[in-house]
Amino acid sequence: MTDQSWARDEIESPCVKICVIHPQAGLCVGCLRSLDEISAWSRMSAEARRTIMAELPDRKSAVRMRRGGRAARARPA
């Protein structure tokens, strides 16, 4: 079996295996998709996937997570 037998002509998932849903935005903080988008991804057309992929960079500001620990408490004087 060669690598070519597993080659697929479709858009890869943006999943980075950091699966945490932001409570206010309702988006995964890892891939920036909604739960509906994540669950439907394998059934979506290539065009629908491309549309979502194009929107992901603009979603970054909606899921800013506060860093915990000392780094979050330390504030420059």
PDB file of N, CA and C in Angstrom:
ATOM      1  N   MET A   1       0.842  -1.170   0.000  1.00  0.00           N
ATOM      2  CA  MET A   1       0.000   0.000   0.000  1.00  0.00           C
ATOM      3  C   MET A   1       0.893   1.241   0.000  1.00  0.00           C
ATOM      4  N   THR A   2       0.552   2.203  -0.819  1.00  0.00           N
ATOM      5  CA  THR A   2       1.345   3.425  -0.899  1.00  0.00           C
ATOM      6  C   THR A   2       0.579   4.576  -0.268  1.00  0.00           C
ATOM      7  N   ASP A   3       1.278   5.673  -0.056  1.00  0.00           N
ATOM      8  CA  ASP A   3       0.616   6.870   0.477  1.00  0.00           C
ATOM      9  C   ASP A   3      -0.451   7.385  -0.474  1.00  0.00           C
ATOM     10  N   GLN A   4      -0.283   7.126  -1.755  1.00  0.00           N
ATOM     11  CA  GLN A   4      -1.253   7.593  -2.737  1.00  0.00           C
ATOM     12  C   GLN A   4      -2.626   6.953  -2.544  1.00  0.00           C
ATOM     13  N   SER A   5      -2.657   5.761  -1.990  1.00  0.00           N
ATOM     14  CA  SER A   5      -3.951   5.108  -1.793  1.00  0.00           C
ATOM     15  C   SER A   5      -4.796   5.823  -0.741  1.00  0.00           C
ATOM     16  N   TRP A   6      -4.148   6.604   0.127  1.00  0.00           N
ATOM     17  CA  TRP A   6      -4.869   7.353   1.145  1.00  0.00           C
ATOM     18  C   TRP A   6      -5.051   8.821   0.773  1.00  0.00           C
ATOM     19  N   ALA A   7      -4.501   9.246  -0.346  1.00  0.00           N
ATOM     20  CA  ALA A   7      -4.608  10.642  -0.770  1.00  0.00           C
ATOM     21  C   ALA A   7      -6.061  10.972  -1.088  1.00  0.00           C
ATOM     22  N   ARG A   8      -6.479  12.131  -0.600  1.00  0.00           N
ATOM     23  CA  ARG A   8      -7.856  12.554  -0.845  1.00  0.00           C
ATOM     24  C   ARG A   8      -7.840  13.966  -1.397  1.00  0.00           C
ATOM     25  N   ASP A   9      -8.725  14.239  -2.297  1.00  0.00           N
ATOM     26  CA  ASP A   9      -8.803  15.547  -2.914  1.00  0.00           C
ATOM     27  C   ASP A   9      -9.901  16.355  -2.219  1.00  0.00           C
ATOM     28  N   GLU A  10      -9.622  16.726  -0.980  1.00  0.00           N
ATOM     29  CA  GLU A  10     -10.596  17.520  -0.238  1.00  0.00           C
ATOM     30  C   GLU A  10      -9.871  18.412   0.754  1.00  0.00           C
ATOM     31  N   ILE A  11     -10.562  19.379   1.268  1.00  0.00           N
ATOM     32  CA  ILE A  11      -9.996  20.323   2.215  1.00  0.00           C
ATOM     33  C   ILE A  11      -9.809  19.628   3.555  1.00  0.00           C
ATOM     34  N   GLU A  12      -8.632  19.765   4.118  1.00  0.00           N
ATOM     35  CA  GLU A  12      -8.342  19.181   5.422  1.00  0.00           C
ATOM     36  C   GLU A  12      -9.118  19.900   6.516  1.00  0.00           C
ATOM     37  N   SER A  13      -9.298  19.235   7.605  1.00  0.00           N
ATOM     38  CA  SER A  13      -9.945  19.830   8.768  1.00  0.00           C
ATOM     39  C   SER A  13      -8.979  20.806   9.442  1.00  0.00           C
ATOM     40  N   PRO A  14      -9.482  21.914   9.972  1.00  0.00           N
ATOM     41  CA  PRO A  14      -8.618  22.845  10.691  1.00  0.00           C
ATOM     42  C   PRO A  14      -8.358  22.411  12.137  1.00  0.00           C
ATOM     43  N   CYS A  15      -8.826  21.236  12.520  1.00  0.00           N
ATOM     44  CA  CYS A  15      -8.685  20.747  13.883  1.00  0.00           C
ATOM     45  C   CYS A  15      -7.212  20.674  14.287  1.00  0.00           C
ATOM     46  N   VAL A  16      -6.920  21.198  15.485  1.00  0.00           N
ATOM     47  CA  VAL A  16      -5.564  21.133  16.039  1.00  0.00           C
ATOM     48  C   VAL A  16      -5.554  20.359  17.351  1.00  0.00           C
ATOM     49  N   LYS A  17      -6.628  19.635  17.614  1.00  0.00           N
ATOM     50  CA  LYS A  17      -6.778  18.767  18.791  1.00  0.00           C
ATOM     51  C   LYS A  17      -6.712  19.532  20.116  1.00  0.00           C
ATOM     52  N   ILE A  18      -7.211  20.761  20.088  1.00  0.00           N
ATOM     53  CA  ILE A  18      -7.421  21.550  21.310  1.00  0.00           C
ATOM     54  C   ILE A  18      -8.918  21.814  21.335  1.00  0.00           C
ATOM     55  N   CYS A  19      -9.661  20.851  21.819  1.00  0.00           N
ATOM     56  CA  CYS A  19     -11.113  20.876  21.719  1.00  0.00           C
ATOM     57  C   CYS A  19     -11.742  21.423  22.993  1.00  0.00           C
ATOM     58  N   VAL A  20     -11.887  22.740  23.037  1.00  0.00           N
ATOM     59  CA  VAL A  20     -12.511  23.431  24.158  1.00  0.00           C
ATOM     60  C   VAL A  20     -13.457  24.467  23.554  1.00  0.00           C
ATOM     61  N   ILE A  21     -14.710  24.403  23.942  1.00  0.00           N
ATOM     62  CA  ILE A  21     -15.691  25.356  23.410  1.00  0.00           C
ATOM     63  C   ILE A  21     -15.715  26.600  24.282  1.00  0.00           C
ATOM     64  N   HIS A  22     -15.504  27.750  23.662  1.00  0.00           N
ATOM     65  CA  HIS A  22     -15.546  29.031  24.362  1.00  0.00           C
ATOM     66  C   HIS A  22     -16.985  29.274  24.814  1.00  0.00           C
ATOM     67  N   PRO A  23     -17.194  29.558  26.110  1.00  0.00           N
ATOM     68  CA  PRO A  23     -18.564  29.644  26.629  1.00  0.00           C
ATOM     69  C   PRO A  23     -19.405  30.770  26.034  1.00  0.00           C
ATOM     70  N   GLN A  24     -18.819  31.901  25.745  1.00  0.00           N
ATOM     71  CA  GLN A  24     -19.602  33.011  25.183  1.00  0.00           C
ATOM     72  C   GLN A  24     -19.697  32.941  23.660  1.00  0.00           C
ATOM     73  N   ALA A  25     -18.588  32.657  23.004  1.00  0.00           N
ATOM     74  CA  ALA A  25     -18.567  32.669  21.538  1.00  0.00           C
ATOM     75  C   ALA A  25     -19.177  31.410  20.934  1.00  0.00           C
ATOM     76  N   GLY A  26     -19.154  30.299  21.672  1.00  0.00           N
ATOM     77  CA  GLY A  26     -19.673  29.046  21.133  1.00  0.00           C
ATOM     78  C   GLY A  26     -18.794  28.453  20.047  1.00  0.00           C
ATOM     79  N   LEU A  27     -17.517  28.834  20.044  1.00  0.00           N
ATOM     80  CA  LEU A  27     -16.566  28.337  19.058  1.00  0.00           C
ATOM     81  C   LEU A  27     -15.472  27.541  19.753  1.00  0.00           C
ATOM     82  N   CYS A  28     -14.916  26.575  19.054  1.00  0.00           N
ATOM     83  CA  CYS A  28     -13.787  25.830  19.578  1.00  0.00           C
ATOM     84  C   CYS A  28     -12.575  26.759  19.608  1.00  0.00           C
ATOM     85  N   VAL A  29     -11.874  26.811  20.732  1.00  0.00           N
ATOM     86  CA  VAL A  29     -10.708  27.698  20.832  1.00  0.00           C
ATOM     87  C   VAL A  29      -9.530  27.163  20.017  1.00  0.00           C
ATOM     88  N   GLY A  30      -9.557  25.906  19.627  1.00  0.00           N
ATOM     89  CA  GLY A  30      -8.490  25.343  18.814  1.00  0.00           C
ATOM     90  C   GLY A  30      -8.656  25.620  17.331  1.00  0.00           C
ATOM     91  N   CYS A  31      -9.813  25.258  16.781  1.00  0.00           N
ATOM     92  CA  CYS A  31     -10.007  25.377  15.331  1.00  0.00           C
ATOM     93  C   CYS A  31     -10.932  26.528  14.931  1.00  0.00           C
ATOM     94  N   LEU A  32     -11.598  27.134  15.898  1.00  0.00           N
ATOM     95  CA  LEU A  32     -12.479  28.292  15.691  1.00  0.00           C
ATOM     96  C   LEU A  32     -13.783  27.962  14.974  1.00  0.00           C
ATOM     97  N   ARG A  33     -14.151  26.675  14.926  1.00  0.00           N
ATOM     98  CA  ARG A  33     -15.430  26.303  14.322  1.00  0.00           C
ATOM     99  C   ARG A  33     -16.490  26.142  15.400  1.00  0.00           C
ATOM    100  N   SER A  34     -17.743  26.285  14.992  1.00  0.00           N
ATOM    101  CA  SER A  34     -18.860  26.045  15.905  1.00  0.00           C
ATOM    102  C   SER A  34     -19.082  24.537  16.032  1.00  0.00           C
ATOM    103  N   LEU A  35     -19.840  24.140  17.048  1.00  0.00           N
ATOM    104  CA  LEU A  35     -20.163  22.716  17.212  1.00  0.00           C
ATOM    105  C   LEU A  35     -20.888  22.166  15.986  1.00  0.00           C
ATOM    106  N   ASP A  36     -21.796  22.953  15.423  1.00  0.00           N
ATOM    107  CA  ASP A  36     -22.519  22.513  14.223  1.00  0.00           C
ATOM    108  C   ASP A  36     -21.562  22.294  13.052  1.00  0.00           C
ATOM    109  N   GLU A  37     -20.603  23.212  12.887  1.00  0.00           N
ATOM    110  CA  GLU A  37     -19.631  23.074  11.797  1.00  0.00           C
ATOM    111  C   GLU A  37     -18.738  21.857  12.006  1.00  0.00           C
ATOM    112  N   ILE A  38     -18.325  21.639  13.244  1.00  0.00           N
ATOM    113  CA  ILE A  38     -17.471  20.488  13.549  1.00  0.00           C
ATOM    114  C   ILE A  38     -18.203  19.181  13.258  1.00  0.00           C
ATOM    115  N   SER A  39     -19.441  19.093  13.720  1.00  0.00           N
ATOM    116  CA  SER A  39     -20.184  17.841  13.548  1.00  0.00           C
ATOM    117  C   SER A  39     -20.571  17.581  12.099  1.00  0.00           C
ATOM    118  N   ALA A  40     -20.742  18.621  11.306  1.00  0.00           N
ATOM    119  CA  ALA A  40     -21.159  18.442   9.912  1.00  0.00           C
ATOM    120  C   ALA A  40     -19.985  18.412   8.938  1.00  0.00           C
ATOM    121  N   TRP A  41     -18.774  18.642   9.403  1.00  0.00           N
ATOM    122  CA  TRP A  41     -17.604  18.811   8.533  1.00  0.00           C
ATOM    123  C   TRP A  41     -17.449  17.674   7.516  1.00  0.00           C
ATOM    124  N   SER A  42     -17.573  16.454   7.943  1.00  0.00           N
ATOM    125  CA  SER A  42     -17.353  15.324   7.021  1.00  0.00           C
ATOM    126  C   SER A  42     -18.434  15.199   5.955  1.00  0.00           C
ATOM    127  N   ARG A  43     -19.570  15.832   6.172  1.00  0.00           N
ATOM    128  CA  ARG A  43     -20.669  15.779   5.198  1.00  0.00           C
ATOM    129  C   ARG A  43     -20.753  17.036   4.333  1.00  0.00           C
ATOM    130  N   MET A  44     -19.941  18.040   4.632  1.00  0.00           N
ATOM    131  CA  MET A  44     -20.000  19.309   3.892  1.00  0.00           C
ATOM    132  C   MET A  44     -19.352  19.187   2.515  1.00  0.00           C
ATOM    133  N   SER A  45     -19.847  20.018   1.616  1.00  0.00           N
ATOM    134  CA  SER A  45     -19.229  20.103   0.297  1.00  0.00           C
ATOM    135  C   SER A  45     -17.885  20.826   0.424  1.00  0.00           C
ATOM    136  N   ALA A  46     -17.046  20.663  -0.568  1.00  0.00           N
ATOM    137  CA  ALA A  46     -15.753  21.347  -0.581  1.00  0.00           C
ATOM    138  C   ALA A  46     -15.959  22.864  -0.543  1.00  0.00           C
ATOM    139  N   GLU A  47     -16.961  23.351  -1.222  1.00  0.00           N
ATOM    140  CA  GLU A  47     -17.237  24.795  -1.238  1.00  0.00           C
ATOM    141  C   GLU A  47     -17.625  25.303   0.150  1.00  0.00           C
ATOM    142  N   ALA A  48     -18.461  24.559   0.859  1.00  0.00           N
ATOM    143  CA  ALA A  48     -18.857  24.955   2.212  1.00  0.00           C
ATOM    144  C   ALA A  48     -17.649  24.964   3.147  1.00  0.00           C
ATOM    145  N   ARG A  49     -16.784  23.966   2.995  1.00  0.00           N
ATOM    146  CA  ARG A  49     -15.572  23.921   3.812  1.00  0.00           C
ATOM    147  C   ARG A  49     -14.655  25.098   3.514  1.00  0.00           C
ATOM    148  N   ARG A  50     -14.497  25.416   2.225  1.00  0.00           N
ATOM    149  CA  ARG A  50     -13.664  26.573   1.844  1.00  0.00           C
ATOM    150  C   ARG A  50     -14.199  27.858   2.433  1.00  0.00           C
ATOM    151  N   THR A  51     -15.506  28.022   2.433  1.00  0.00           N
ATOM    152  CA  THR A  51     -16.132  29.221   2.990  1.00  0.00           C
ATOM    153  C   THR A  51     -15.813  29.341   4.474  1.00  0.00           C
ATOM    154  N   ILE A  52     -15.968  28.250   5.205  1.00  0.00           N
ATOM    155  CA  ILE A  52     -15.671  28.262   6.641  1.00  0.00           C
ATOM    156  C   ILE A  52     -14.196  28.540   6.879  1.00  0.00           C
ATOM    157  N   MET A  53     -13.324  27.872   6.124  1.00  0.00           N
ATOM    158  CA  MET A  53     -11.882  28.082   6.290  1.00  0.00           C
ATOM    159  C   MET A  53     -11.514  29.547   6.075  1.00  0.00           C
ATOM    160  N   ALA A  54     -12.161  30.209   5.133  1.00  0.00           N
ATOM    161  CA  ALA A  54     -11.883  31.622   4.863  1.00  0.00           C
ATOM    162  C   ALA A  54     -12.340  32.517   6.011  1.00  0.00           C
ATOM    163  N   GLU A  55     -13.372  32.096   6.743  1.00  0.00           N
ATOM    164  CA  GLU A  55     -13.910  32.893   7.849  1.00  0.00           C
ATOM    165  C   GLU A  55     -13.125  32.726   9.155  1.00  0.00           C
ATOM    166  N   LEU A  56     -12.378  31.649   9.290  1.00  0.00           N
ATOM    167  CA  LEU A  56     -11.718  31.333  10.557  1.00  0.00           C
ATOM    168  C   LEU A  56     -10.782  32.422  11.083  1.00  0.00           C
ATOM    169  N   PRO A  57      -9.944  33.041  10.273  1.00  0.00           N
ATOM    170  CA  PRO A  57      -9.057  34.078  10.822  1.00  0.00           C
ATOM    171  C   PRO A  57      -9.807  35.237  11.486  1.00  0.00           C
ATOM    172  N   ASP A  58     -10.961  35.590  10.979  1.00  0.00           N
ATOM    173  CA  ASP A  58     -11.746  36.683  11.558  1.00  0.00           C
ATOM    174  C   ASP A  58     -12.402  36.303  12.882  1.00  0.00           C
ATOM    175  N   ARG A  59     -12.480  35.036  13.182  1.00  0.00           N
ATOM    176  CA  ARG A  59     -13.118  34.567  14.417  1.00  0.00           C
ATOM    177  C   ARG A  59     -12.160  34.576  15.611  1.00  0.00           C
ATOM    178  N   LYS A  60     -10.885  34.736  15.363  1.00  0.00           N
ATOM    179  CA  LYS A  60      -9.875  34.627  16.420  1.00  0.00           C
ATOM    180  C   LYS A  60     -10.161  35.565  17.590  1.00  0.00           C
ATOM    181  N   SER A  61     -10.572  36.781  17.319  1.00  0.00           N
ATOM    182  CA  SER A  61     -10.805  37.742  18.400  1.00  0.00           C
ATOM    183  C   SER A  61     -11.991  37.363  19.279  1.00  0.00           C
ATOM    184  N   ALA A  62     -12.897  36.554  18.785  1.00  0.00           N
ATOM    185  CA  ALA A  62     -14.079  36.158  19.554  1.00  0.00           C
ATOM    186  C   ALA A  62     -13.766  35.128  20.638  1.00  0.00           C
ATOM    187  N   VAL A  63     -12.622  34.459  20.534  1.00  0.00           N
ATOM    188  CA  VAL A  63     -12.318  33.385  21.475  1.00  0.00           C
ATOM    189  C   VAL A  63     -11.069  33.639  22.302  1.00  0.00           C
ATOM    190  N   ARG A  64     -10.721  34.862  22.510  1.00  0.00           N
ATOM    191  CA  ARG A  64      -9.546  35.140  23.341  1.00  0.00           C
ATOM    192  C   ARG A  64      -9.777  34.602  24.733  1.00  0.00           C
ATOM    193  N   MET A  65      -8.862  33.759  25.142  1.00  0.00           N
ATOM    194  CA  MET A  65      -8.947  33.161  26.467  1.00  0.00           C
ATOM    195  C   MET A  65      -7.963  33.866  27.384  1.00  0.00           C
ATOM    196  N   ARG A  66      -8.409  34.138  28.582  1.00  0.00           N
ATOM    197  CA  ARG A  66      -7.544  34.737  29.588  1.00  0.00           C
ATOM    198  C   ARG A  66      -6.547  33.687  30.034  1.00  0.00           C
ATOM    199  N   ARG A  67      -5.284  34.057  30.068  1.00  0.00           N
ATOM    200  CA  ARG A  67      -4.266  33.116  30.534  1.00  0.00           C
ATOM    201  C   ARG A  67      -4.368  32.991  32.036  1.00  0.00           C
ATOM    202  N   GLY A  68      -4.243  31.793  32.522  1.00  0.00           N
ATOM    203  CA  GLY A  68      -4.315  31.559  33.953  1.00  0.00           C
ATOM    204  C   GLY A  68      -2.957  31.624  34.612  1.00  0.00           C
ATOM    205  N   GLY A  69      -2.953  31.493  35.894  1.00  0.00           N
ATOM    206  CA  GLY A  69      -1.700  31.445  36.645  1.00  0.00           C
ATOM    207  C   GLY A  69      -1.041  32.796  36.817  1.00  0.00           C
ATOM    208  N   ARG A  70       0.234  32.742  37.142  1.00  0.00           N
ATOM    209  CA  ARG A  70       0.999  33.944  37.448  1.00  0.00           C
ATOM    210  C   ARG A  70       1.046  34.926  36.276  1.00  0.00           C
ATOM    211  N   ALA A  71       1.168  34.426  35.067  1.00  0.00           N
ATOM    212  CA  ALA A  71       1.251  35.296  33.892  1.00  0.00           C
ATOM    213  C   ALA A  71       0.010  36.174  33.757  1.00  0.00           C
ATOM    214  N   ALA A  72      -1.146  35.668  34.143  1.00  0.00           N
ATOM    215  CA  ALA A  72      -2.377  36.445  34.041  1.00  0.00           C
ATOM    216  C   ALA A  72      -2.452  37.517  35.108  1.00  0.00           C
ATOM    217  N   ARG A  73      -1.839  37.253  36.260  1.00  0.00           N
ATOM    218  CA  ARG A  73      -1.900  38.219  37.365  1.00  0.00           C
ATOM    219  C   ARG A  73      -0.825  39.299  37.262  1.00  0.00           C
ATOM    220  N   ALA A  74       0.272  38.964  36.621  1.00  0.00           N
ATOM    221  CA  ALA A  74       1.381  39.922  36.521  1.00  0.00           C
ATOM    222  C   ALA A  74       1.030  41.026  35.539  1.00  0.00           C
ATOM    223  N   ARG A  75       1.071  42.222  35.998  1.00  0.00           N
ATOM    224  CA  ARG A  75       0.760  43.361  35.135  1.00  0.00           C
ATOM    225  C   ARG A  75       1.952  44.312  35.140  1.00  0.00           C
ATOM    226  N   PRO A  76       2.306  44.817  33.964  1.00  0.00           N
ATOM    227  CA  PRO A  76       3.421  45.759  33.922  1.00  0.00           C
ATOM    228  C   PRO A  76       3.092  47.016  34.735  1.00  0.00           C
ATOM    229  N   ALA A  77       4.119  47.558  35.415  1.00  0.00           N
ATOM    230  CA  ALA A  77       3.926  48.758  36.246  1.00  0.00           C
ATOM    231  C   ALA A  77       3.840  50.003  35.417  1.00  0.00           C
TER     232      ALA A  77
END
